[in-house]
PDB file of all heavy atoms in Angstrom:
ATOM      1  N   MET A   1      86.520 133.321 -36.975  1.00  0.00           N
ATOM      2  CA  MET A   1      86.099 134.002 -38.181  1.00  0.00           C
ATOM      3  C   MET A   1      85.343 133.002 -39.072  1.00  0.00           C
ATOM      4  O   MET A   1      85.781 131.847 -39.220  1.00  0.00           O
ATOM      5  CB  MET A   1      87.280 134.614 -38.888  1.00  0.00           C
ATOM      6  CG  MET A   1      87.875 135.787 -38.130  1.00  0.00           C
ATOM      7  SD  MET A   1      89.290 136.527 -38.976  1.00  0.00           S
ATOM      8  CE  MET A   1      90.548 135.354 -38.613  1.00  0.00           C
ATOM      9  N   GLU A   2      84.262 133.447 -39.690  1.00  0.00           N
ATOM     10  CA  GLU A   2      83.428 132.588 -40.532  1.00  0.00           C
ATOM     11  C   GLU A   2      84.224 131.926 -41.656  1.00  0.00           C
ATOM     12  O   GLU A   2      83.866 130.846 -42.101  1.00  0.00           O
ATOM     13  CB  GLU A   2      82.227 133.337 -41.062  1.00  0.00           C
ATOM     14  CG  GLU A   2      81.184 133.624 -40.013  1.00  0.00           C
ATOM     15  CD  GLU A   2      79.922 134.259 -40.557  1.00  0.00           C
ATOM     16  OE1 GLU A   2      79.853 134.459 -41.791  1.00  0.00           O
ATOM     17  OE2 GLU A   2      79.048 134.584 -39.759  1.00  0.00           O
ATOM     18  N   LYS A   3      85.256 132.594 -42.101  1.00  0.00           N
ATOM     19  CA  LYS A   3      86.034 132.077 -43.216  1.00  0.00           C
ATOM     20  C   LYS A   3      86.885 130.846 -42.814  1.00  0.00           C
ATOM     21  O   LYS A   3      87.311 130.084 -43.683  1.00  0.00           O
ATOM     22  CB  LYS A   3      86.965 133.174 -43.782  1.00  0.00           C
ATOM     23  CG  LYS A   3      88.098 133.549 -42.858  1.00  0.00           C
ATOM     24  CD  LYS A   3      89.033 134.551 -43.542  1.00  0.00           C
ATOM     25  CE  LYS A   3      90.248 134.847 -42.672  1.00  0.00           C
ATOM     26  NZ  LYS A   3      91.103 133.706 -42.417  1.00  0.00           N
ATOM     27  N   ASP A   4      87.078 130.593 -41.527  1.00  0.00           N
ATOM     28  CA  ASP A   4      87.911 129.508 -41.047  1.00  0.00           C
ATOM     29  C   ASP A   4      87.099 128.225 -40.891  1.00  0.00           C
ATOM     30  O   ASP A   4      86.816 127.716 -39.821  1.00  0.00           O
ATOM     31  CB  ASP A   4      88.597 129.909 -39.729  1.00  0.00           C
ATOM     32  CG  ASP A   4      89.588 131.023 -39.906  1.00  0.00           C
ATOM     33  OD1 ASP A   4      90.133 131.157 -41.030  1.00  0.00           O
ATOM     34  OD2 ASP A   4      89.826 131.754 -38.929  1.00  0.00           O
ATOM     35  N   LYS A   5      86.697 127.703 -42.051  1.00  0.00           N
ATOM     36  CA  LYS A   5      85.777 126.560 -42.084  1.00  0.00           C
ATOM     37  C   LYS A   5      86.349 125.294 -41.436  1.00  0.00           C
ATOM     38  O   LYS A   5      85.620 124.577 -40.733  1.00  0.00           O
ATOM     39  CB  LYS A   5      85.447 126.213 -43.559  1.00  0.00           C
ATOM     40  CG  LYS A   5      84.819 127.355 -44.329  1.00  0.00           C
ATOM     41  CD  LYS A   5      83.467 127.709 -43.830  1.00  0.00           C
ATOM     42  CE  LYS A   5      82.840 128.799 -44.729  1.00  0.00           C
ATOM     43  NZ  LYS A   5      81.780 129.523 -44.123  1.00  0.00           N
ATOM     44  N   ALA A   6      87.650 125.047 -41.586  1.00  0.00           N
ATOM     45  CA  ALA A   6      88.226 123.849 -40.959  1.00  0.00           C
ATOM     46  C   ALA A   6      88.151 123.936 -39.440  1.00  0.00           C
ATOM     47  O   ALA A   6      87.855 122.941 -38.746  1.00  0.00           O
ATOM     48  CB  ALA A   6      89.659 123.611 -41.410  1.00  0.00           C
ATOM     49  N   ALA A   7      88.422 125.102 -38.889  1.00  0.00           N
ATOM     50  CA  ALA A   7      88.353 125.298 -37.443  1.00  0.00           C
ATOM     51  C   ALA A   7      86.927 125.097 -36.967  1.00  0.00           C
ATOM     52  O   ALA A   7      86.668 124.435 -35.938  1.00  0.00           O
ATOM     53  CB  ALA A   7      88.879 126.679 -37.059  1.00  0.00           C
ATOM     54  N   ILE A   8      85.955 125.627 -37.689  1.00  0.00           N
ATOM     55  CA  ILE A   8      84.541 125.503 -37.338  1.00  0.00           C
ATOM     56  C   ILE A   8      84.145 124.027 -37.328  1.00  0.00           C
ATOM     57  O   ILE A   8      83.471 123.554 -36.397  1.00  0.00           O
ATOM     58  CB  ILE A   8      83.665 126.320 -38.267  1.00  0.00           C
ATOM     59  CG1 ILE A   8      83.885 127.832 -37.996  1.00  0.00           C
ATOM     60  CG2 ILE A   8      82.171 125.933 -38.117  1.00  0.00           C
ATOM     61  CD1 ILE A   8      83.267 128.755 -39.010  1.00  0.00           C
ATOM     62  N   ARG A   9      84.587 123.265 -38.337  1.00  0.00           N
ATOM     63  CA  ARG A   9      84.287 121.822 -38.381  1.00  0.00           C
ATOM     64  C   ARG A   9      84.883 121.122 -37.142  1.00  0.00           C
ATOM     65  O   ARG A   9      84.226 120.285 -36.530  1.00  0.00           O
ATOM     66  CB  ARG A   9      84.819 121.211 -39.653  1.00  0.00           C
ATOM     67  CG  ARG A   9      83.972 121.501 -40.864  1.00  0.00           C
ATOM     68  CD  ARG A   9      84.382 120.636 -42.063  1.00  0.00           C
ATOM     69  NE  ARG A   9      85.757 120.775 -42.468  1.00  0.00           N
ATOM     70  CZ  ARG A   9      86.223 121.704 -43.297  1.00  0.00           C
ATOM     71  NH1 ARG A   9      85.365 122.604 -43.805  1.00  0.00           N
ATOM     72  NH2 ARG A   9      87.533 121.773 -43.585  1.00  0.00           N
ATOM     73  N   LEU A  10      86.097 121.475 -36.778  1.00  0.00           N
ATOM     74  CA  LEU A  10      86.721 120.903 -35.612  1.00  0.00           C
ATOM     75  C   LEU A  10      85.940 121.174 -34.337  1.00  0.00           C
ATOM     76  O   LEU A  10      85.627 120.272 -33.556  1.00  0.00           O
ATOM     77  CB  LEU A  10      88.184 121.359 -35.445  1.00  0.00           C
ATOM     78  CG  LEU A  10      88.880 120.941 -34.144  1.00  0.00           C
ATOM     79  CD1 LEU A  10      89.027 119.426 -34.054  1.00  0.00           C
ATOM     80  CD2 LEU A  10      90.241 121.622 -34.039  1.00  0.00           C
ATOM     81  N   TYR A  11      85.615 122.429 -34.115  1.00  0.00           N
ATOM     82  CA  TYR A  11      84.878 122.793 -32.921  1.00  0.00           C
ATOM     83  C   TYR A  11      83.539 122.070 -32.823  1.00  0.00           C
ATOM     84  O   TYR A  11      83.195 121.522 -31.772  1.00  0.00           O
ATOM     85  CB  TYR A  11      84.629 124.323 -32.861  1.00  0.00           C
ATOM     86  CG  TYR A  11      85.854 125.166 -32.947  1.00  0.00           C
ATOM     87  CD1 TYR A  11      85.845 126.400 -33.555  1.00  0.00           C
ATOM     88  CD2 TYR A  11      87.082 124.696 -32.445  1.00  0.00           C
ATOM     89  CE1 TYR A  11      86.973 127.179 -33.648  1.00  0.00           C
ATOM     90  CE2 TYR A  11      88.222 125.493 -32.529  1.00  0.00           C
ATOM     91  CZ  TYR A  11      88.201 126.702 -33.143  1.00  0.00           C
ATOM     92  OH  TYR A  11      89.307 127.507 -33.221  1.00  0.00           O
ATOM     93  N   GLU A  12      82.821 121.995 -33.933  1.00  0.00           N
ATOM     94  CA  GLU A  12      81.543 121.331 -33.921  1.00  0.00           C
ATOM     95  C   GLU A  12      81.674 119.828 -33.713  1.00  0.00           C
ATOM     96  O   GLU A  12      80.911 119.202 -32.996  1.00  0.00           O
ATOM     97  CB  GLU A  12      80.764 121.658 -35.196  1.00  0.00           C
ATOM     98  CG  GLU A  12      80.355 123.134 -35.218  1.00  0.00           C
ATOM     99  CD  GLU A  12      79.611 123.594 -36.470  1.00  0.00           C
ATOM    100  OE1 GLU A  12      79.568 122.807 -37.455  1.00  0.00           O
ATOM    101  OE2 GLU A  12      79.090 124.732 -36.468  1.00  0.00           O
ATOM    102  N   ARG A  13      82.729 119.230 -34.311  1.00  0.00           N
ATOM    103  CA  ARG A  13      82.954 117.808 -34.098  1.00  0.00           C
ATOM    104  C   ARG A  13      83.297 117.491 -32.623  1.00  0.00           C
ATOM    105  O   ARG A  13      82.943 116.431 -32.097  1.00  0.00           O
ATOM    106  CB  ARG A  13      84.131 117.348 -35.011  1.00  0.00           C
ATOM    107  CG  ARG A  13      84.349 115.841 -34.961  1.00  0.00           C
ATOM    108  CD  ARG A  13      85.275 115.385 -36.059  1.00  0.00           C
ATOM    109  NE  ARG A  13      86.529 116.094 -36.204  1.00  0.00           N
ATOM    110  CZ  ARG A  13      87.619 115.893 -35.408  1.00  0.00           C
ATOM    111  NH1 ARG A  13      87.565 115.023 -34.411  1.00  0.00           N
ATOM    112  NH2 ARG A  13      88.688 116.584 -35.596  1.00  0.00           N
ATOM    113  N   LEU A  14      83.949 118.451 -31.940  1.00  0.00           N
ATOM    114  CA  LEU A  14      84.287 118.273 -30.542  1.00  0.00           C
ATOM    115  C   LEU A  14      83.162 118.641 -29.597  1.00  0.00           C
ATOM    116  O   LEU A  14      83.292 118.572 -28.386  1.00  0.00           O
ATOM    117  CB  LEU A  14      85.523 119.109 -30.200  1.00  0.00           C
ATOM    118  CG  LEU A  14      86.834 118.666 -30.837  1.00  0.00           C
ATOM    119  CD1 LEU A  14      87.953 119.646 -30.536  1.00  0.00           C
ATOM    120  CD2 LEU A  14      87.187 117.241 -30.400  1.00  0.00           C
ATOM    121  N   GLY A  15      81.991 119.000 -30.159  1.00  0.00           N
ATOM    122  CA  GLY A  15      80.823 119.231 -29.321  1.00  0.00           C
ATOM    123  C   GLY A  15      80.527 120.666 -28.966  1.00  0.00           C
ATOM    124  O   GLY A  15      79.614 120.934 -28.202  1.00  0.00           O
ATOM    125  N   TRP A  16      81.306 121.585 -29.470  1.00  0.00           N
ATOM    126  CA  TRP A  16      81.059 123.008 -29.201  1.00  0.00           C
ATOM    127  C   TRP A  16      79.743 123.406 -29.865  1.00  0.00           C
ATOM    128  O   TRP A  16      79.394 122.903 -30.941  1.00  0.00           O
ATOM    129  CB  TRP A  16      82.201 123.867 -29.741  1.00  0.00           C
ATOM    130  CG  TRP A  16      83.452 123.711 -28.951  1.00  0.00           C
ATOM    131  CD1 TRP A  16      84.265 122.633 -28.898  1.00  0.00           C
ATOM    132  CD2 TRP A  16      84.044 124.694 -28.095  1.00  0.00           C
ATOM    133  NE1 TRP A  16      85.321 122.864 -28.080  1.00  0.00           N
ATOM    134  CE2 TRP A  16      85.227 124.114 -27.579  1.00  0.00           C
ATOM    135  CE3 TRP A  16      83.710 125.974 -27.748  1.00  0.00           C
ATOM    136  CZ2 TRP A  16      86.069 124.828 -26.691  1.00  0.00           C
ATOM    137  CZ3 TRP A  16      84.560 126.677 -26.878  1.00  0.00           C
ATOM    138  CH2 TRP A  16      85.714 126.089 -26.376  1.00  0.00           C
ATOM    139  N   GLN A  17      78.986 124.286 -29.198  1.00  0.00           N
ATOM    140  CA  GLN A  17      77.669 124.703 -29.705  1.00  0.00           C
ATOM    141  C   GLN A  17      77.704 126.178 -30.102  1.00  0.00           C
ATOM    142  O   GLN A  17      78.150 127.028 -29.364  1.00  0.00           O
ATOM    143  CB  GLN A  17      76.653 124.478 -28.626  1.00  0.00           C
ATOM    144  CG  GLN A  17      76.519 122.988 -28.260  1.00  0.00           C
ATOM    145  CD  GLN A  17      75.607 122.762 -27.094  1.00  0.00           C
ATOM    146  OE1 GLN A  17      75.234 123.693 -26.348  1.00  0.00           O
ATOM    147  NE2 GLN A  17      75.250 121.505 -26.868  1.00  0.00           N
ATOM    148  N   PHE A  18      77.152 126.412 -31.295  1.00  0.00           N
ATOM    149  CA  PHE A  18      77.044 127.783 -31.810  1.00  0.00           C
ATOM    150  C   PHE A  18      76.061 128.578 -30.957  1.00  0.00           C
ATOM    151  O   PHE A  18      74.966 128.112 -30.642  1.00  0.00           O
ATOM    152  CB  PHE A  18      76.509 127.727 -33.280  1.00  0.00           C
ATOM    153  CG  PHE A  18      76.235 129.055 -33.879  1.00  0.00           C
ATOM    154  CD1 PHE A  18      77.284 129.859 -34.275  1.00  0.00           C
ATOM    155  CD2 PHE A  18      74.966 129.514 -34.056  1.00  0.00           C
ATOM    156  CE1 PHE A  18      77.075 131.109 -34.875  1.00  0.00           C
ATOM    157  CE2 PHE A  18      74.698 130.750 -34.627  1.00  0.00           C
ATOM    158  CZ  PHE A  18      75.742 131.544 -35.021  1.00  0.00           C
ATOM    159  N   ILE A  19      76.469 129.803 -30.537  1.00  0.00           N
ATOM    160  CA  ILE A  19      75.604 130.621 -29.686  1.00  0.00           C
ATOM    161  C   ILE A  19      75.287 131.993 -30.319  1.00  0.00           C
ATOM    162  O   ILE A  19      74.511 132.767 -29.715  1.00  0.00           O
ATOM    163  CB  ILE A  19      76.192 130.817 -28.296  1.00  0.00           C
ATOM    164  CG1 ILE A  19      77.600 131.408 -28.350  1.00  0.00           C
ATOM    165  CG2 ILE A  19      76.174 129.500 -27.535  1.00  0.00           C
ATOM    166  CD1 ILE A  19      78.184 131.764 -26.985  1.00  0.00           C
ATOM    167  N   GLY A  20      75.890 132.302 -31.445  1.00  0.00           N
ATOM    168  CA  GLY A  20      75.546 133.590 -32.091  1.00  0.00           C
ATOM    169  C   GLY A  20      76.700 134.126 -32.904  1.00  0.00           C
ATOM    170  O   GLY A  20      77.790 133.553 -32.956  1.00  0.00           O
ATOM    171  N   GLY A  21      76.444 135.261 -33.561  1.00  0.00           N
ATOM    172  CA  GLY A  21      77.459 135.867 -34.430  1.00  0.00           C
ATOM    173  C   GLY A  21      78.073 137.083 -33.784  1.00  0.00           C
ATOM    174  O   GLY A  21      77.580 137.623 -32.806  1.00  0.00           O
ATOM    175  N   ALA A  22      79.188 137.482 -34.356  1.00  0.00           N
ATOM    176  CA  ALA A  22      79.928 138.678 -33.905  1.00  0.00           C
ATOM    177  C   ALA A  22      80.636 139.270 -35.123  1.00  0.00           C
ATOM    178  O   ALA A  22      80.662 138.654 -36.194  1.00  0.00           O
ATOM    179  CB  ALA A  22      80.946 138.297 -32.830  1.00  0.00           C
ATOM    180  N   THR A  23      81.164 140.446 -34.946  1.00  0.00           N
ATOM    181  CA  THR A  23      81.977 141.084 -35.999  1.00  0.00           C
ATOM    182  C   THR A  23      83.315 141.482 -35.382  1.00  0.00           C
ATOM    183  O   THR A  23      83.358 142.145 -34.352  1.00  0.00           O
ATOM    184  CB  THR A  23      81.262 142.344 -36.517  1.00  0.00           C
ATOM    185  OG1 THR A  23      79.992 141.941 -37.038  1.00  0.00           O
ATOM    186  CG2 THR A  23      82.067 142.977 -37.644  1.00  0.00           C
ATOM    187  N   HIS A  24      84.403 141.044 -36.050  1.00  0.00           N
ATOM    188  CA  HIS A  24      85.746 141.435 -35.609  1.00  0.00           C
ATOM    189  C   HIS A  24      86.103 142.763 -36.276  1.00  0.00           C
ATOM    190  O   HIS A  24      85.969 142.903 -37.493  1.00  0.00           O
ATOM    191  CB  HIS A  24      86.785 140.380 -36.015  1.00  0.00           C
ATOM    192  CG  HIS A  24      86.779 139.210 -35.148  1.00  0.00           C
ATOM    193  ND1 HIS A  24      87.571 139.062 -34.066  1.00  0.00           N
ATOM    194  CD2 HIS A  24      86.065 138.044 -35.230  1.00  0.00           C
ATOM    195  CE1 HIS A  24      87.351 137.909 -33.498  1.00  0.00           C
ATOM    196  NE2 HIS A  24      86.472 137.260 -34.184  1.00  0.00           N
ATOM    197  N   GLN A  25      86.550 143.716 -35.490  1.00  0.00           N
ATOM    198  CA  GLN A  25      86.995 144.976 -36.025  1.00  0.00           C
ATOM    199  C   GLN A  25      88.544 144.932 -36.034  1.00  0.00           C
ATOM    200  O   GLN A  25      89.143 144.495 -35.078  1.00  0.00           O
ATOM    201  CB  GLN A  25      86.565 146.121 -35.114  1.00  0.00           C
ATOM    202  CG  GLN A  25      85.066 146.132 -34.788  1.00  0.00           C
ATOM    203  CD  GLN A  25      84.217 146.509 -35.948  1.00  0.00           C
ATOM    204  OE1 GLN A  25      84.634 147.241 -36.880  1.00  0.00           O
ATOM    205  NE2 GLN A  25      82.998 146.049 -35.967  1.00  0.00           N
ATOM    206  N   PHE A  26      89.163 145.392 -37.112  1.00  0.00           N
ATOM    207  CA  PHE A  26      90.639 145.390 -37.165  1.00  0.00           C
ATOM    208  C   PHE A  26      91.067 146.420 -38.158  1.00  0.00           C
ATOM    209  O   PHE A  26      90.313 146.924 -38.983  1.00  0.00           O
ATOM    210  CB  PHE A  26      91.155 144.009 -37.503  1.00  0.00           C
ATOM    211  CG  PHE A  26      90.802 143.543 -38.888  1.00  0.00           C
ATOM    212  CD1 PHE A  26      91.692 143.679 -39.950  1.00  0.00           C
ATOM    213  CD2 PHE A  26      89.572 142.945 -39.154  1.00  0.00           C
ATOM    214  CE1 PHE A  26      91.369 143.231 -41.227  1.00  0.00           C
ATOM    215  CE2 PHE A  26      89.221 142.490 -40.378  1.00  0.00           C
ATOM    216  CZ  PHE A  26      90.128 142.660 -41.429  1.00  0.00           C
ATOM    217  N   GLY A  27      92.371 146.717 -38.088  1.00  0.00           N
ATOM    218  CA  GLY A  27      92.966 147.679 -39.028  1.00  0.00           C
ATOM    219  C   GLY A  27      92.275 149.010 -39.038  1.00  0.00           C
ATOM    220  O   GLY A  27      91.783 149.480 -38.035  1.00  0.00           O
TER     221      GLY A  27
END
């Protein structure tokens, strides 16, 4: 989720590459 900034920083620091966006449906 875009709101999870710390997780995004970790993934990018570990070399993960952004490939596009998505939308989570819930509730």
